[in-house]
Amino acid sequence: METPCINVCIIDNLTGYCMGCGRTQTEIGAWTTMTSAERRALMERLPDRLTEIADTPRRPRRMTRRRQMADKETGE
C-alpha cells in the first residue's frame, strides 16, 4: 500500500497536519481503510499542506532565543 509517511510523525499544533506527510491524525488513522482513489486524492493535496506548514510563522525555538540573547549581550 502506498503511503506518504516518511516517519517524521509530529503534528503541527497550528494546522493540525503532520509535519512529515501533511495528513491529519484522523486521516493517518483511516489510511488503511481508505480506497486507493481516496488515498490518491488525499496525496494530491499534501504538497499544498506541507507548504502551508512551512509558511506558518512560528515562535523561535529555545536554542534560537538563546543565540539571539547571546548576540545582544556581545553586541552582534
Protein backbone atom coordinates (compact mmCIF):
# COMPACT_ATOMS: atom_id res chain seq x y z
CA MET A 1 0.00 0.00 0.00
CA GLU A 2 1.39 3.39 -0.98
CA THR A 3 1.81 5.87 1.86
CA PRO A 4 3.18 9.41 2.16
CA CYS A 5 4.62 8.63 5.61
CA ILE A 6 8.31 9.47 5.99
CA ASN A 7 8.47 8.53 9.70
CA VAL A 8 8.54 12.15 10.89
CA CYS A 9 5.36 11.98 12.93
CA ILE A 10 4.99 15.40 14.53
CA ILE A 11 1.57 17.05 14.46
CA ASP A 12 1.74 20.81 13.90
CA ASN A 13 -0.37 22.50 16.58
CA LEU A 14 -1.31 25.41 14.35
CA THR A 15 -2.56 23.49 11.31
CA GLY A 16 -3.25 20.00 12.69
CA TYR A 17 -1.16 18.47 9.90
CA CYS A 18 1.70 16.01 10.33
CA MET A 19 4.93 17.88 9.63
CA GLY A 20 6.31 14.83 7.83
CA CYS A 21 3.50 13.85 5.47
CA GLY A 22 0.83 16.57 5.76
CA ARG A 23 -2.03 14.33 6.87
CA THR A 24 -4.26 14.94 9.90
CA GLN A 25 -4.38 12.45 12.75
CA THR A 26 -7.81 11.32 11.56
CA GLU A 27 -6.50 10.75 8.02
CA ILE A 28 -3.49 8.84 9.33
CA GLY A 29 -5.78 6.61 11.39
CA ALA A 30 -8.15 5.98 8.48
CA TRP A 31 -5.42 5.43 5.89
CA THR A 32 -5.69 1.63 5.77
CA THR A 33 -9.48 1.73 5.40
CA MET A 34 -9.49 4.30 2.58
CA THR A 35 -9.89 3.20 -1.00
CA SER A 36 -6.99 3.64 -3.41
CA ALA A 37 -8.84 6.52 -5.05
CA GLU A 38 -9.37 8.25 -1.69
CA ARG A 39 -5.69 7.85 -0.79
CA ARG A 40 -4.58 9.22 -4.19
CA ALA A 41 -6.94 12.21 -3.90
CA LEU A 42 -5.61 13.00 -0.44
CA MET A 43 -2.00 12.60 -1.55
CA GLU A 44 -2.59 15.21 -4.26
CA ARG A 45 -3.47 17.76 -1.53
CA LEU A 46 -0.48 17.02 0.70
CA PRO A 47 2.15 19.19 -1.04
CA ASP A 48 -0.02 22.29 -0.52
CA ARG A 49 -0.49 21.38 3.13
CA LEU A 50 3.24 20.94 3.68
CA THR A 51 3.79 24.35 2.09
CA GLU A 52 1.19 25.78 4.46
CA ILE A 53 3.05 24.32 7.43
CA ALA A 54 6.35 25.74 6.18
CA ASP A 55 4.81 29.19 5.64
CA THR A 56 3.18 29.36 9.09
CA PRO A 57 5.03 31.81 11.38
CA ARG A 58 6.46 30.08 14.43
CA ARG A 59 7.75 31.13 17.78
CA PRO A 60 11.53 30.86 17.90
CA ARG A 61 12.83 27.69 19.49
CA ARG A 62 14.73 27.76 22.75
CA MET A 63 18.16 27.49 21.09
CA THR A 64 17.31 30.30 18.67
CA ARG A 65 16.20 32.53 21.54
CA ARG A 66 19.38 31.74 23.49
CA ARG A 67 21.51 32.58 20.46
CA GLN A 68 19.65 35.85 19.97
CA MET A 69 20.13 36.79 23.64
CA ALA A 70 23.85 35.93 23.47
CA ASP A 71 24.21 38.08 20.34
CA LYS A 72 22.58 41.02 22.14
CA GLU A 73 24.94 40.62 25.09
CA THR A 74 28.02 40.64 22.83
CA GLY A 75 26.66 43.48 20.70
CA GLU A 76 26.43 41.48 17.46
